[in-house]
Structures are given as C-alpha cells and as structure tokens.
Amino acid sequence: MLKAAEQEEALPVTQLDPRCGLCAVRYGRKVCQNADGSAPEFCPTLRRTDTVERAVQAYLDPEVREFARQASIQEASCYTDRDRLPHVLRPVKTRLQETMEFARRMGYRRLGLAFCAGLAREAMTLQQILEAQGFEVVSVICKVGRVPKEFIGIREEEKVRIGGGPEAMCNPISQAAILNEAEVDFAILMGLCVGHDSLFLKHVDAPATVFAVKDRVLGHNPMAALYTAASYYQKLSRCSLDAESGPHDSRDE
C-alpha cells in the first residue's frame, strides 16, 4: 500500500487503470476519505490528480454546483442522529422518499417516468404516489409506438416468443424524445432493460435518476446475486457464462 504523500514512478498504463472495486483498504482508512489514509498503486486519488482537478472545474458552474450541493444535503438527510457519538449510520428514508425530497429541493414539479411494460402495475402505483405528493407526472411505456422488432433487424429466432407473432421493440429513444417534448424537469427510470436504459440516458435532456433496475430472476434486486455470490450464485464467478448455451464450468475448458 502507498501512503497519500508517497508518489512513486509511473506504472505501465494497464496497471494504472483505476480498479477501486478491488481496493482492500478498510472504509474510513482509504486515501479518498482520509488524507493520512492508504491506497493501492492503482488508486486514482493518487494517480489521476490532473484528471480530478480538471473534472471538478465543472462544479464552478452555478447550476451544477447547486445540483451537487442539494444532492449532498439530501444524502445527509437520509440518516438520523448525525450528531450523536459514536457516529453510527442510522438510515431512515427509502429511495422513493429520497427521490421525491430531492425533486422538491431542486424545485422540480414536472417529472418524467420511463418504465418497462413488465412493471406497468408498479409504474401506476409510483405515478399515483408522485401525484398524491403534488407532482405532475408524464409517463411513457417502453413499447410506445408499437415499432416492430424487425425495424432494428431482429429475426424470428431472436424474439422473446419465437413463433408467437409480431413483437414490439423496446423503444427508449422515443421514451426520451417524448419526455423531452414534454419538457420534464427530472426523469425517473423504472425497470428498463440493460442497454435500453443506456439509450434512454443518452437521449434524454433532463437530469435523470434510476428508481429501479430490471432483474427478471431476483425481483428486480440485482444486488441479491452479489450477496449470494459465494453460495447459490457461485456460477457467476466459477463458470463461463455463454449468452446462448448458458453456464458451464470454466475449469472444464
């Protein structure tokens, strides 16, 4: 490990790539949190100072600065007894409550909801709650426009229901376009497929947040696969996952 004050010779680019996900330094003792903390050689707080210095200039924009400031205030408000010693995190707010509170802090009244057709019931509940709290809600389902999957080159054997007739494609670009036309203040994603969510985020004009992500197996809680990665979901790290044939033990290769 390197101390914060230790700046060593540059490593090969491949070794300098940040891999914060593999940092074994304990929480609170990381150099990104504590000036006297420790860090592995790939730590971007030590190795990417120029990049960070350039990036933080964006916060000098008054609009960006206020957005970041309110987000930090919202973060702290999600805990209680913050002045009580010893400091122990005591969370008290759900993401739904947090989303609504942040929208109010920013003065957002007109919200956009882009949701998956498979979560239509949940989207209705969410819209009703948002409207009950005084927000205007413009919501758009992923199948908007009923554009056939053939439009993007999908073959019959690549459809969800092979031989089941026409299938409308998920259409996140149109979801974003419709919310852009509606001039929503803030966009909320709910259950869009992997990749479709990326297209929505790329094309929507308003700032956006993710309320829920899709996981067809785990009740839309993808973290469960990580919580059980050492037990029931060992296949994720021990097997080679082929998109077509399914998992097989990589040790057999």
Protein backbone atom coordinates (compact mmCIF):
# COMPACT_ATOMS: atom_id res chain seq x y z
CA MET A 1 0.00 0.00 0.00
CA LEU A 2 1.06 3.59 -0.62
CA LYS A 3 0.63 6.44 1.82
CA ALA A 4 -1.05 9.55 0.47
CA ALA A 5 2.20 11.51 0.48
CA GLU A 6 4.06 8.84 -1.49
CA GLN A 7 4.11 9.45 -5.22
CA GLU A 8 6.11 6.72 -6.96
CA GLU A 9 7.26 6.30 -10.52
CA ALA A 10 4.53 5.89 -13.11
CA LEU A 11 3.46 2.32 -13.72
CA PRO A 12 2.53 0.81 -17.07
CA VAL A 13 -0.83 2.08 -18.28
CA THR A 14 -2.51 -1.27 -17.73
CA GLN A 15 -1.51 -1.23 -14.06
CA LEU A 16 -2.50 2.41 -13.62
CA ASP A 17 -6.07 1.86 -14.71
CA PRO A 18 -8.25 2.54 -11.64
CA ARG A 19 -9.64 -0.60 -10.04
CA CYS A 20 -11.31 0.89 -6.98
CA GLY A 21 -13.61 -2.11 -6.84
CA LEU A 22 -10.61 -4.22 -5.83
CA CYS A 23 -9.29 -1.85 -3.15
CA ALA A 24 -8.88 -3.77 0.11
CA VAL A 25 -8.27 -0.74 2.35
CA ARG A 26 -10.91 -0.54 5.06
CA TYR A 27 -13.69 2.02 4.82
CA GLY A 28 -12.66 5.23 6.54
CA ARG A 29 -8.97 4.47 6.04
CA LYS A 30 -8.93 4.96 2.28
CA VAL A 31 -6.93 7.89 0.95
CA CYS A 32 -10.01 9.11 -0.93
CA GLN A 33 -11.61 9.65 2.51
CA ASN A 34 -8.65 10.45 4.73
CA ALA A 35 -5.56 12.49 3.87
CA ASP A 36 -3.48 10.15 6.00
CA GLY A 37 -5.10 7.08 4.53
CA SER A 38 -3.65 4.27 2.45
CA ALA A 39 -4.21 3.21 -1.12
CA PRO A 40 -3.16 0.56 -3.63
CA GLU A 41 -0.90 1.53 -6.52
CA PHE A 42 -3.82 1.88 -8.93
CA CYS A 43 -5.64 4.45 -6.75
CA PRO A 44 -6.98 7.31 -8.94
CA THR A 45 -6.91 9.74 -6.00
CA LEU A 46 -3.12 9.46 -6.13
CA ARG A 47 -2.58 8.67 -9.79
CA ARG A 48 -5.20 10.76 -11.58
CA THR A 49 -4.87 14.09 -9.78
CA ASP A 50 -4.76 16.06 -13.04
CA THR A 51 -7.95 14.44 -14.26
CA VAL A 52 -9.73 15.12 -10.97
CA GLU A 53 -8.58 18.73 -10.93
CA ARG A 54 -9.92 19.27 -14.44
CA ALA A 55 -13.17 17.49 -13.72
CA VAL A 56 -14.04 19.40 -10.54
CA GLN A 57 -13.96 22.64 -12.50
CA ALA A 58 -17.44 21.66 -13.70
CA TYR A 59 -18.73 22.39 -10.19
CA LEU A 60 -17.88 26.06 -10.71
CA ASP A 61 -20.91 26.29 -12.97
CA PRO A 62 -23.60 27.67 -10.61
CA GLU A 63 -26.26 25.24 -11.86
CA VAL A 64 -24.02 22.20 -11.49
CA ARG A 65 -22.78 23.40 -8.10
CA GLU A 66 -26.32 23.80 -6.77
CA PHE A 67 -27.35 20.38 -8.09
CA ALA A 68 -24.36 18.77 -6.37
CA ARG A 69 -24.95 20.76 -3.19
CA GLN A 70 -28.57 19.71 -2.92
CA ALA A 71 -27.64 16.08 -3.65
CA SER A 72 -25.17 16.15 -0.76
CA ILE A 73 -27.72 17.74 1.56
CA GLN A 74 -30.21 15.05 0.53
CA GLU A 75 -27.64 12.35 1.22
CA ALA A 76 -27.12 13.54 4.79
CA SER A 77 -30.85 13.93 5.41
CA CYS A 78 -31.32 10.20 4.84
CA TYR A 79 -29.75 9.49 8.24
CA THR A 80 -30.87 10.37 11.75
CA ASP A 81 -28.88 11.20 14.88
CA ARG A 82 -25.99 12.51 12.80
CA ASP A 83 -24.61 14.48 15.74
CA ARG A 84 -24.73 11.53 18.11
CA LEU A 85 -21.46 9.94 19.20
CA PRO A 86 -20.15 7.49 18.34
CA HIS A 87 -21.09 8.11 14.73
CA VAL A 88 -23.16 5.15 13.54
CA LEU A 89 -25.16 5.26 10.32
CA ARG A 90 -28.90 5.18 11.03
CA PRO A 91 -30.75 5.33 7.68
CA VAL A 92 -34.39 6.38 7.79
CA LYS A 93 -35.56 7.03 4.20
CA THR A 94 -36.44 4.80 1.26
CA ARG A 95 -35.23 5.63 -2.24
CA LEU A 96 -38.78 6.62 -3.15
CA GLN A 97 -38.89 9.20 -0.38
CA GLU A 98 -35.38 10.35 -1.23
CA THR A 99 -36.30 10.83 -4.89
CA MET A 100 -39.32 12.96 -4.05
CA GLU A 101 -37.45 15.03 -1.49
CA PHE A 102 -34.59 15.72 -3.90
CA ALA A 103 -37.06 16.80 -6.59
CA ARG A 104 -38.59 19.25 -4.13
CA ARG A 105 -35.19 20.58 -3.10
CA MET A 106 -34.42 21.31 -6.74
CA GLY A 107 -37.81 22.90 -7.37
CA TYR A 108 -38.82 20.19 -9.84
CA ARG A 109 -42.56 19.89 -10.29
CA ARG A 110 -42.91 18.14 -13.64
CA LEU A 111 -41.48 14.63 -13.54
CA GLY A 112 -40.99 12.14 -16.35
CA LEU A 113 -41.37 8.40 -15.78
CA ALA A 114 -39.90 5.98 -18.33
CA PHE A 115 -40.88 2.44 -17.41
CA CYS A 116 -40.83 -1.14 -18.65
CA ALA A 117 -44.09 -2.75 -19.77
CA GLY A 118 -43.38 -5.61 -17.38
CA LEU A 119 -43.62 -3.15 -14.49
CA ALA A 120 -46.82 -1.44 -15.61
CA ARG A 121 -48.59 -2.15 -12.32
CA GLU A 122 -45.69 -0.81 -10.27
CA ALA A 123 -45.45 2.23 -12.56
CA MET A 124 -49.11 3.00 -11.91
CA THR A 125 -48.50 2.84 -8.17
CA LEU A 126 -45.45 5.06 -8.46
CA GLN A 127 -47.26 7.63 -10.58
CA GLN A 128 -50.18 7.71 -8.15
CA ILE A 129 -47.83 8.29 -5.22
CA LEU A 130 -45.95 11.04 -7.03
CA GLU A 131 -49.17 12.77 -8.00
CA ALA A 132 -50.51 12.42 -4.46
CA GLN A 133 -47.41 14.31 -3.35
CA GLY A 134 -48.21 17.18 -5.70
CA PHE A 135 -46.01 16.38 -8.70
CA GLU A 136 -47.07 16.46 -12.33
CA VAL A 137 -46.09 13.17 -13.95
CA VAL A 138 -45.59 12.43 -17.64
CA SER A 139 -45.14 8.67 -18.07
CA VAL A 140 -44.12 6.67 -21.15
CA ILE A 141 -44.11 2.88 -21.53
CA CYS A 142 -41.18 1.16 -23.26
CA LYS A 143 -43.35 -0.23 -26.08
CA VAL A 144 -44.50 3.24 -27.17
CA GLY A 145 -45.16 3.45 -30.91
CA ARG A 146 -45.53 -0.33 -31.34
CA VAL A 147 -42.44 -0.37 -33.55
CA PRO A 148 -41.82 -3.95 -34.79
CA LYS A 149 -38.53 -5.54 -33.78
CA GLU A 150 -37.80 -6.21 -37.45
CA PHE A 151 -37.13 -2.45 -37.73
CA ILE A 152 -33.79 -2.95 -35.95
CA GLY A 153 -33.03 -6.25 -37.67
CA ILE A 154 -34.35 -8.74 -35.11
CA ARG A 155 -35.01 -12.19 -36.62
CA GLU A 156 -37.82 -14.52 -35.55
CA GLU A 157 -35.47 -16.78 -33.58
CA GLU A 158 -34.21 -13.73 -31.64
CA LYS A 159 -37.62 -12.74 -30.32
CA VAL A 160 -38.89 -13.36 -26.79
CA ARG A 161 -41.74 -15.53 -28.08
CA ILE A 162 -40.45 -17.48 -31.06
CA GLY A 163 -43.30 -18.15 -33.47
CA GLY A 164 -45.61 -16.00 -31.38
CA GLY A 165 -46.27 -13.35 -33.98
CA PRO A 166 -45.30 -9.66 -34.07
CA GLU A 167 -43.36 -8.20 -31.14
CA ALA A 168 -42.99 -4.50 -30.44
CA MET A 169 -39.44 -3.45 -29.67
CA CYS A 170 -38.45 -1.61 -26.53
CA ASN A 171 -38.18 1.99 -27.66
CA PRO A 172 -36.14 4.03 -25.14
CA ILE A 173 -35.15 6.71 -27.65
CA SER A 174 -38.81 7.53 -28.24
CA GLN A 175 -39.43 7.48 -24.48
CA ALA A 176 -36.70 10.08 -24.10
CA ALA A 177 -37.96 12.13 -27.05
CA ILE A 178 -41.49 12.27 -25.66
CA LEU A 179 -40.25 13.37 -22.23
CA ASN A 180 -38.05 15.96 -23.94
CA GLU A 181 -41.08 17.34 -25.79
CA ALA A 182 -43.00 17.43 -22.51
CA GLU A 183 -40.16 19.49 -21.02
CA VAL A 184 -40.00 17.49 -17.81
CA ASP A 185 -37.76 18.82 -15.05
CA PHE A 186 -36.50 15.43 -13.89
CA ALA A 187 -36.66 11.94 -15.39
CA ILE A 188 -37.11 8.68 -13.47
CA LEU A 189 -36.17 5.29 -14.94
CA MET A 190 -38.05 2.21 -13.84
CA GLY A 191 -37.05 -1.28 -14.94
CA LEU A 192 -35.69 -0.65 -18.42
CA CYS A 193 -33.63 -3.49 -19.90
CA VAL A 194 -29.84 -3.42 -19.86
CA GLY A 195 -28.83 -1.38 -22.91
CA HIS A 196 -32.25 0.17 -23.31
CA ASP A 197 -31.60 2.17 -20.15
CA SER A 198 -28.30 3.29 -21.69
CA LEU A 199 -30.04 4.59 -24.80
CA PHE A 200 -32.60 6.44 -22.71
CA LEU A 201 -29.93 8.14 -20.62
CA LYS A 202 -28.02 9.09 -23.76
CA HIS A 203 -31.01 10.79 -25.38
CA VAL A 204 -32.99 12.38 -22.54
CA ASP A 205 -32.42 16.09 -21.96
CA ALA A 206 -33.47 16.38 -18.32
CA PRO A 207 -31.33 15.14 -15.44
CA ALA A 208 -32.31 11.56 -14.66
CA THR A 209 -32.25 9.10 -11.80
CA VAL A 210 -32.87 5.36 -11.62
CA PHE A 211 -35.64 4.28 -9.27
CA ALA A 212 -35.47 0.56 -10.08
CA VAL A 213 -33.44 -1.67 -12.37
CA LYS A 214 -34.64 -4.82 -14.07
CA ASP A 215 -33.72 -8.26 -12.77
CA ARG A 216 -36.18 -10.82 -14.06
CA VAL A 217 -34.99 -13.54 -11.67
CA LEU A 218 -34.35 -11.68 -8.42
CA GLY A 219 -37.43 -9.49 -8.15
CA HIS A 220 -35.58 -6.50 -9.62
CA ASN A 221 -32.94 -6.68 -6.90
CA PRO A 222 -29.69 -7.45 -8.76
CA MET A 223 -27.68 -6.97 -5.57
CA ALA A 224 -29.02 -10.32 -4.37
CA ALA A 225 -26.72 -12.06 -6.85
CA LEU A 226 -23.76 -10.39 -5.15
CA TYR A 227 -24.99 -11.18 -1.65
CA THR A 228 -25.12 -14.86 -2.61
CA ALA A 229 -22.09 -14.92 -4.94
CA ALA A 230 -20.18 -17.18 -2.54
CA SER A 231 -23.04 -19.63 -2.24
CA TYR A 232 -26.05 -20.03 -4.53
CA TYR A 233 -24.65 -17.88 -7.31
CA GLN A 234 -21.12 -19.31 -7.43
CA LYS A 235 -21.66 -19.88 -11.13
CA LEU A 236 -21.18 -16.15 -11.74
CA SER A 237 -17.50 -16.36 -10.82
CA ARG A 238 -16.73 -20.05 -11.39
CA CYS A 239 -18.43 -20.68 -14.73
CA SER A 240 -18.12 -19.21 -18.17
CA LEU A 241 -21.49 -17.68 -18.98
CA ASP A 242 -22.36 -18.14 -22.62
CA ALA A 243 -25.21 -15.94 -23.78
CA GLU A 244 -26.74 -18.74 -25.81
CA SER A 245 -25.94 -22.08 -24.15
CA GLY A 246 -25.90 -20.97 -20.51
CA PRO A 247 -23.25 -21.51 -17.84
CA HIS A 248 -20.60 -24.18 -17.96
CA ASP A 249 -17.71 -24.79 -15.60
CA SER A 250 -14.66 -22.89 -16.85
CA ARG A 251 -12.44 -25.45 -15.14
CA ASP A 252 -13.50 -27.97 -17.78
CA GLU A 253 -12.01 -25.91 -20.59
